[in-house]
Structure formats: C-alpha cells, structure tokens
Amino acid sequence: MRRFFGCLACCALLPLVTGCAQPTPPAPVPAPKTKAASDDHGHAHGHGAGPHDGTLTDWGGGAYHVEFTVDHDKKEVTVYIIGGDEKSPAPIKAEKIQLVINDPLTEMELIAKPLDGEAEGMSSRFVGTHDTIGIVKEFAGTISGEIEGTPYTGDFKEEPHGADHKH
C-alpha cells in the first residue's frame, strides 16, 4: 500500500515539478496568392492624392496603383489604374473591376471607359454609379481586378484633404 500511495503522490506532484505543457499554437494560414496593397516594397501605403485628386493605393506591391475618385452629385465612382510612378495611366485588358465600400456595405462592378488614345480593349478608367456614392462622407473599401490572369486587390481609405476640402 505504501508503494501505491507513494506512486500516486509522485504522479500528483509530477505536473508541479515539470510544469504544464502549453498547447502547440496552430500553424499560420498562408495568405491568398493575390497581389495586395500590403505587399512590402519600401514605401508607406496611403499615398495621398493621385493625379485626379483621388485616393491612391497599391495594386501588386507598387507595380500598379489604383486611384479612387467620387462625384457625390452624380452618385458616380471613377477608378483609374495608374503605373508604378503614381502619375501615368496604365491601361489594362479588362472589361470591369470590382469595388466594395465598407460603410454602408456596397458592392459595385465598375465598367471600363477608356481614356482617349487607349488601345482597343484596354482601359485605365473604370466607372460605376450607385445611390451609396451620393452620401457625402469619406469612403473606405477594396478595389479588385485581374491583369493577365493575376488577381490584384487594394484597400483604400479616403482622408479629408484639409480645411478647403468640400463635398
């Protein structure tokens, strides 16, 4: 009996001596294979105003940028595809891109409206309308599209442009 109770006491004290084992944390889930605004390429995101005075963000780690602009009176969004220099149009072969506004949650397809001089089937400008865009506020959301089979996604957030900014 002494041996039995001695073993039992040792078993009871074993966790105190060795410590409790911590559960193994789950393995990280790999990010989806898209070119996203979070790609690290040496400069900060949230670039400020683009060439059309809109909100600029990355597509593909700086290979492309997208510029989000609104016309509240027309309830219209225009998104421009801009090159890595953050200034020049970068026409892509696409008929549409997608826009998701976070608040109020709104999903839109923006249709290609090529700028003058852009090649047939190419566009750097995409336009759509929705009642949500008539709301005078700073919008945030995600712009997604595909270039040559590669999906691109960029998050944007409008910021007030200063005291002279008027909606």
Protein backbone atom coordinates (compact mmCIF):
# COMPACT_ATOMS: atom_id res chain seq x y z
CA MET A 1 0.00 0.00 0.00
CA ARG A 2 2.82 2.36 0.85
CA ARG A 3 4.28 1.87 -2.60
CA PHE A 4 0.90 2.51 -4.24
CA PHE A 5 0.32 5.75 -2.32
CA GLY A 6 3.92 6.78 -2.93
CA CYS A 7 3.48 6.34 -6.69
CA LEU A 8 0.16 8.16 -6.56
CA ALA A 9 1.76 11.10 -4.71
CA CYS A 10 4.60 11.24 -7.25
CA CYS A 11 2.11 11.25 -10.14
CA ALA A 12 0.14 14.04 -8.47
CA LEU A 13 3.27 16.15 -7.95
CA LEU A 14 4.75 15.50 -11.42
CA PRO A 15 2.91 18.39 -13.15
CA LEU A 16 4.04 20.80 -10.44
CA VAL A 17 7.67 19.80 -10.88
CA THR A 18 7.71 19.71 -14.68
CA GLY A 19 5.20 22.49 -15.35
CA CYS A 20 2.13 22.36 -17.52
CA ALA A 21 2.71 21.81 -21.17
CA GLN A 22 1.43 24.66 -23.34
CA PRO A 23 -0.70 23.66 -26.32
CA THR A 24 1.03 23.99 -29.65
CA PRO A 25 -0.26 27.09 -31.45
CA PRO A 26 -1.95 26.43 -34.79
CA ALA A 27 0.20 26.77 -37.89
CA PRO A 28 -0.23 30.12 -39.67
CA VAL A 29 -2.58 30.08 -42.64
CA PRO A 30 -0.82 31.26 -45.80
CA ALA A 31 -2.22 34.39 -47.39
CA PRO A 32 -4.07 34.02 -50.67
CA LYS A 33 -1.91 34.40 -53.75
CA THR A 34 -3.00 37.85 -54.84
CA LYS A 35 -1.09 41.00 -55.34
CA ALA A 36 -2.30 43.08 -52.42
CA ALA A 37 -1.86 46.54 -51.02
CA SER A 38 0.01 45.05 -48.07
CA ASP A 39 2.96 43.93 -50.23
CA ASP A 40 6.22 45.26 -48.81
CA HIS A 41 8.08 47.32 -51.37
CA GLY A 42 9.80 50.02 -49.43
CA HIS A 43 7.29 52.82 -49.06
CA ALA A 44 4.23 53.58 -46.99
CA HIS A 45 0.73 52.88 -48.14
CA GLY A 46 -1.90 55.59 -48.17
CA HIS A 47 -0.13 57.65 -50.80
CA GLY A 48 -2.39 60.68 -50.61
CA ALA A 49 -3.90 62.35 -53.64
CA GLY A 50 -3.42 60.85 -57.09
CA PRO A 51 -3.26 62.67 -60.43
CA HIS A 52 -7.08 63.10 -60.44
CA ASP A 53 -7.09 64.33 -56.81
CA GLY A 54 -8.42 60.95 -55.61
CA THR A 55 -7.23 58.46 -53.02
CA LEU A 56 -4.31 56.35 -54.26
CA THR A 57 -3.37 52.84 -53.14
CA ASP A 58 -1.20 49.95 -54.36
CA TRP A 59 -2.00 47.06 -56.63
CA GLY A 60 0.76 44.48 -56.82
CA GLY A 61 3.36 45.89 -54.50
CA GLY A 62 3.75 49.11 -56.45
CA ALA A 63 3.62 47.66 -59.96
CA TYR A 64 0.25 49.35 -60.34
CA HIS A 65 -1.72 51.82 -58.30
CA VAL A 66 -5.45 52.49 -58.27
CA GLU A 67 -6.98 55.89 -57.70
CA PHE A 68 -10.47 56.13 -56.19
CA THR A 69 -12.49 59.26 -57.02
CA VAL A 70 -16.14 60.14 -56.35
CA ASP A 71 -18.69 62.58 -57.69
CA HIS A 72 -21.37 62.67 -54.99
CA ASP A 73 -23.79 64.71 -57.13
CA LYS A 74 -23.72 62.12 -59.95
CA LYS A 75 -23.51 59.20 -57.44
CA GLU A 76 -20.54 58.07 -59.53
CA VAL A 77 -17.23 56.39 -58.76
CA THR A 78 -14.29 56.54 -61.12
CA VAL A 79 -11.24 54.35 -60.50
CA TYR A 80 -8.08 54.94 -62.50
CA ILE A 81 -5.35 52.36 -62.98
CA ILE A 82 -2.03 54.18 -62.55
CA GLY A 83 1.51 52.98 -63.16
CA GLY A 84 4.25 52.47 -60.60
CA ASP A 85 5.21 56.15 -60.91
CA GLU A 86 1.84 57.07 -59.30
CA LYS A 87 1.15 59.52 -62.16
CA SER A 88 0.82 57.84 -65.57
CA PRO A 89 -2.25 55.91 -66.79
CA ALA A 90 -1.64 52.15 -67.03
CA PRO A 91 -4.33 50.68 -69.28
CA ILE A 92 -5.21 47.05 -68.61
CA LYS A 93 -7.13 44.50 -70.64
CA ALA A 94 -10.30 44.22 -68.58
CA GLU A 95 -13.98 44.98 -69.12
CA LYS A 96 -14.68 45.56 -65.43
CA ILE A 97 -13.19 45.70 -61.94
CA GLN A 98 -14.89 45.29 -58.56
CA LEU A 99 -15.38 47.81 -55.79
CA VAL A 100 -16.55 47.10 -52.24
CA ILE A 101 -17.39 50.04 -49.98
CA ASN A 102 -17.22 49.12 -46.27
CA ASP A 103 -19.82 51.50 -44.78
CA PRO A 104 -22.53 51.23 -45.83
CA LEU A 105 -21.61 47.85 -47.32
CA THR A 106 -21.91 48.27 -51.08
CA GLU A 107 -20.60 46.08 -53.89
CA MET A 108 -20.24 47.51 -57.40
CA GLU A 109 -18.89 46.50 -60.78
CA LEU A 110 -17.04 49.32 -62.44
CA ILE A 111 -17.14 49.22 -66.24
CA ALA A 112 -14.19 50.13 -68.49
CA LYS A 113 -14.41 53.61 -70.04
CA PRO A 114 -11.10 54.01 -71.87
CA LEU A 115 -9.41 57.38 -71.94
CA ASP A 116 -8.83 58.98 -75.34
CA GLY A 117 -5.95 57.27 -77.14
CA GLU A 118 -6.06 53.97 -75.21
CA ALA A 119 -5.78 50.88 -77.41
CA GLU A 120 -8.83 48.79 -78.30
CA GLY A 121 -9.81 46.51 -75.41
CA MET A 122 -7.57 48.38 -72.94
CA SER A 123 -8.64 50.87 -70.27
CA SER A 124 -7.14 52.74 -67.35
CA ARG A 125 -10.51 54.19 -66.29
CA PHE A 126 -13.45 52.28 -64.75
CA VAL A 127 -16.76 53.90 -63.81
CA GLY A 128 -19.91 52.91 -61.90
CA THR A 129 -22.87 54.53 -60.19
CA HIS A 130 -24.75 53.67 -57.01
CA ASP A 131 -27.01 55.57 -54.59
CA THR A 132 -24.47 54.98 -51.79
CA ILE A 133 -22.00 57.25 -53.59
CA GLY A 134 -24.43 60.15 -53.13
CA ILE A 135 -23.74 60.03 -49.38
CA VAL A 136 -21.33 62.82 -48.55
CA LYS A 137 -18.63 61.13 -46.47
CA GLU A 138 -15.12 59.70 -46.68
CA PHE A 139 -15.30 56.16 -48.06
CA ALA A 140 -13.10 53.13 -47.39
CA GLY A 141 -13.09 49.77 -49.11
CA THR A 142 -11.41 47.41 -51.54
CA ILE A 143 -10.77 47.57 -55.27
CA SER A 144 -10.16 44.26 -57.06
CA GLY A 145 -9.40 43.25 -60.60
CA GLU A 146 -7.39 40.92 -62.77
CA ILE A 147 -4.46 41.68 -65.03
CA GLU A 148 -3.24 38.96 -67.38
CA GLY A 149 -4.70 36.23 -65.17
CA THR A 150 -3.29 37.60 -61.91
CA PRO A 151 -5.76 38.89 -59.30
CA TYR A 152 -4.98 42.26 -57.72
CA THR A 153 -6.55 43.78 -54.62
CA GLY A 154 -6.00 47.10 -52.90
CA ASP A 155 -7.61 48.63 -49.82
CA PHE A 156 -8.22 52.37 -49.78
CA LYS A 157 -9.44 54.93 -47.28
CA GLU A 158 -10.36 58.47 -48.19
CA GLU A 159 -9.00 61.14 -45.88
CA PRO A 160 -10.13 64.76 -45.66
CA HIS A 161 -7.93 66.92 -47.87
CA GLY A 162 -7.77 69.80 -45.38
CA ALA A 163 -9.86 72.78 -44.39
CA ASP A 164 -10.61 73.70 -48.00
CA HIS A 165 -11.95 70.21 -48.81
CA LYS A 166 -15.66 70.33 -49.61
CA HIS A 167 -18.02 67.54 -50.58
